[in-house]
Amino acid sequence: MSDPWERLADEQIVNPVKSRMKAAQTRAERKRQKALQERDILFRQWTKWHREHKQELLTGRFSGPATALCEFLESMTIEDGAALIDLVSRGPWRSTDKDTKFTVLSLIDHAICYLRKREGLYPIDDPLPGEEDSVFLCIKAVLI
């Protein structure tokens, strides 16, 4: 401590009060660490859940169209929005259950966000009212 006023204040605090202050700081730090650990556990569970659903999609009833979609998403460029909309429109996704549609939408969303970040753009860029819909919103409208 270089500030004489802080040093004086520290000298004026009695030891029992200092102990309580330190215990309160320790409790707060433990609480913060516990919250971080819980967040990490939930994130791992969420990641596992998404990985399992993607695997189910790739090995299930729609394995052919799902594999084609995933291959397209991996090789997609920023200019391929219209081709992606066309691919989803031609696919069997309209007649699937809600869980499958959600999995397809989340795969597309993840790919678009990753591609936009790689290009130096914001991951999500929804249009303002009156502007043309984004690729993701067009795909969402096709599926719903």
Protein backbone atom coordinates (compact mmCIF):
# COMPACT_ATOMS: atom_id res chain seq x y z
CA MET A 1 0.00 0.00 0.00
CA SER A 2 1.47 3.29 -1.03
CA ASP A 3 -1.47 5.46 0.02
CA PRO A 4 -1.03 6.60 3.64
CA TRP A 5 -4.79 6.91 4.11
CA GLU A 6 -5.37 3.29 3.08
CA ARG A 7 -2.60 2.19 5.44
CA LEU A 8 -4.18 4.18 8.30
CA ALA A 9 -7.63 2.71 7.52
CA ASP A 10 -6.14 -0.80 7.49
CA GLU A 11 -4.52 -0.19 10.87
CA GLN A 12 -7.81 1.03 12.33
CA ILE A 13 -9.74 -2.13 11.46
CA VAL A 14 -9.57 -4.63 14.28
CA ASN A 15 -8.61 -8.25 13.65
CA PRO A 16 -12.07 -9.82 14.20
CA VAL A 17 -13.53 -7.49 11.58
CA LYS A 18 -10.66 -8.25 9.20
CA SER A 19 -11.36 -11.98 9.66
CA ARG A 20 -15.05 -11.53 8.85
CA MET A 21 -14.19 -9.45 5.78
CA LYS A 22 -11.77 -12.11 4.55
CA ALA A 23 -14.34 -14.87 5.19
CA ALA A 24 -16.95 -12.93 3.21
CA GLN A 25 -14.51 -12.54 0.32
CA THR A 26 -13.73 -16.26 0.43
CA ARG A 27 -17.45 -17.16 0.38
CA ALA A 28 -18.06 -14.82 -2.56
CA GLU A 29 -15.13 -16.34 -4.48
CA ARG A 30 -16.39 -19.89 -3.81
CA LYS A 31 -19.87 -18.90 -4.98
CA ARG A 32 -18.42 -17.41 -8.16
CA GLN A 33 -16.32 -20.54 -8.81
CA LYS A 34 -19.35 -22.79 -8.25
CA ALA A 35 -21.40 -20.74 -10.75
CA LEU A 36 -18.60 -21.04 -13.32
CA GLN A 37 -18.40 -24.81 -12.80
CA GLU A 38 -22.17 -25.18 -13.18
CA ARG A 39 -22.06 -23.10 -16.38
CA ASP A 40 -19.29 -25.30 -17.77
CA ILE A 41 -21.24 -28.48 -16.94
CA LEU A 42 -24.38 -27.13 -18.61
CA PHE A 43 -22.41 -26.10 -21.69
CA ARG A 44 -20.88 -29.57 -22.00
CA GLN A 45 -24.33 -31.15 -21.67
CA TRP A 46 -25.77 -28.76 -24.27
CA THR A 47 -22.92 -29.54 -26.68
CA LYS A 48 -23.38 -33.29 -26.18
CA TRP A 49 -27.14 -32.98 -26.75
CA HIS A 50 -26.61 -31.12 -30.04
CA ARG A 51 -23.95 -33.58 -31.18
CA GLU A 52 -26.31 -36.51 -30.47
CA HIS A 53 -29.18 -34.89 -32.38
CA LYS A 54 -26.94 -34.19 -35.36
CA GLN A 55 -25.78 -37.82 -35.32
CA GLU A 56 -29.41 -39.02 -35.14
CA LEU A 57 -30.24 -36.83 -38.13
CA LEU A 58 -27.28 -38.15 -40.13
CA THR A 59 -28.07 -41.81 -39.40
CA GLY A 60 -31.85 -41.67 -39.31
CA ARG A 61 -34.62 -41.64 -41.86
CA PHE A 62 -33.31 -38.50 -43.60
CA SER A 63 -29.65 -39.52 -43.70
CA GLY A 64 -29.23 -38.84 -47.44
CA PRO A 65 -30.62 -35.28 -47.50
CA ALA A 66 -29.02 -34.52 -44.12
CA THR A 67 -25.59 -35.62 -45.34
CA ALA A 68 -26.00 -33.53 -48.49
CA LEU A 69 -27.00 -30.53 -46.39
CA CYS A 70 -24.05 -30.93 -44.02
CA GLU A 71 -21.62 -31.29 -46.92
CA PHE A 72 -23.05 -28.14 -48.50
CA LEU A 73 -22.79 -26.24 -45.21
CA GLU A 74 -19.13 -27.22 -44.81
CA SER A 75 -18.19 -25.98 -48.29
CA MET A 76 -20.55 -23.00 -48.37
CA THR A 77 -19.27 -19.50 -49.11
CA ILE A 78 -20.82 -16.15 -48.23
CA GLU A 79 -22.36 -15.89 -51.73
CA ASP A 80 -24.17 -19.26 -51.55
CA GLY A 81 -27.28 -18.03 -49.73
CA ALA A 82 -29.67 -18.57 -52.64
CA ALA A 83 -28.28 -22.07 -53.23
CA LEU A 84 -28.79 -22.91 -49.54
CA ILE A 85 -32.40 -21.70 -49.65
CA ASP A 86 -32.96 -23.80 -52.78
CA LEU A 87 -31.37 -26.89 -51.19
CA VAL A 88 -33.56 -26.62 -48.10
CA SER A 89 -36.68 -25.94 -50.19
CA ARG A 90 -36.09 -29.08 -52.28
CA GLY A 91 -35.37 -31.24 -49.22
CA PRO A 92 -37.87 -33.28 -47.21
CA TRP A 93 -37.71 -30.92 -44.24
CA ARG A 94 -41.20 -29.46 -44.52
CA SER A 95 -42.84 -32.79 -43.75
CA THR A 96 -40.61 -33.67 -40.79
CA ASP A 97 -41.32 -33.36 -37.08
CA LYS A 98 -40.46 -30.24 -35.09
CA ASP A 99 -37.33 -31.75 -33.53
CA THR A 100 -35.84 -32.54 -36.93
CA LYS A 101 -36.68 -29.05 -38.21
CA PHE A 102 -35.04 -27.57 -35.12
CA THR A 103 -31.91 -29.65 -35.65
CA VAL A 104 -31.72 -28.60 -39.30
CA LEU A 105 -32.24 -24.94 -38.39
CA SER A 106 -29.58 -25.08 -35.69
CA LEU A 107 -27.07 -26.66 -38.09
CA ILE A 108 -27.78 -23.96 -40.65
CA ASP A 109 -27.62 -21.21 -38.02
CA HIS A 110 -24.29 -22.46 -36.71
CA ALA A 111 -22.83 -22.66 -40.22
CA ILE A 112 -24.02 -19.17 -41.17
CA CYS A 113 -22.71 -17.62 -37.94
CA TYR A 114 -19.35 -19.35 -38.33
CA LEU A 115 -19.07 -18.25 -41.97
CA ARG A 116 -19.98 -14.63 -41.14
CA LYS A 117 -17.41 -14.51 -38.32
CA ARG A 118 -14.76 -15.96 -40.61
CA GLU A 119 -15.54 -13.21 -43.15
CA GLY A 120 -15.15 -10.51 -40.47
CA LEU A 121 -18.88 -9.78 -40.17
CA TYR A 122 -21.19 -9.88 -37.18
CA PRO A 123 -22.42 -13.44 -36.57
CA ILE A 124 -26.08 -12.38 -36.55
CA ASP A 125 -27.37 -9.55 -38.72
CA ASP A 126 -31.14 -9.56 -38.81
CA PRO A 127 -32.67 -7.03 -41.18
CA LEU A 128 -34.59 -4.00 -40.04
CA PRO A 129 -38.30 -3.73 -40.87
CA GLY A 130 -38.75 -3.01 -44.54
CA GLU A 131 -35.43 -4.58 -45.54
CA GLU A 132 -34.98 -7.86 -47.38
CA ASP A 133 -35.01 -10.96 -45.16
CA SER A 134 -31.72 -12.67 -44.35
CA VAL A 135 -30.95 -16.16 -45.64
CA PHE A 136 -31.68 -17.69 -42.24
CA LEU A 137 -35.08 -15.99 -42.00
CA CYS A 138 -35.97 -17.18 -45.52
CA ILE A 139 -35.03 -20.75 -44.58
CA LYS A 140 -36.99 -20.51 -41.35
CA ALA A 141 -40.05 -19.34 -43.31
CA VAL A 142 -39.65 -22.30 -45.69
CA LEU A 143 -39.55 -24.80 -42.83
CA ILE A 144 -42.36 -23.35 -40.76
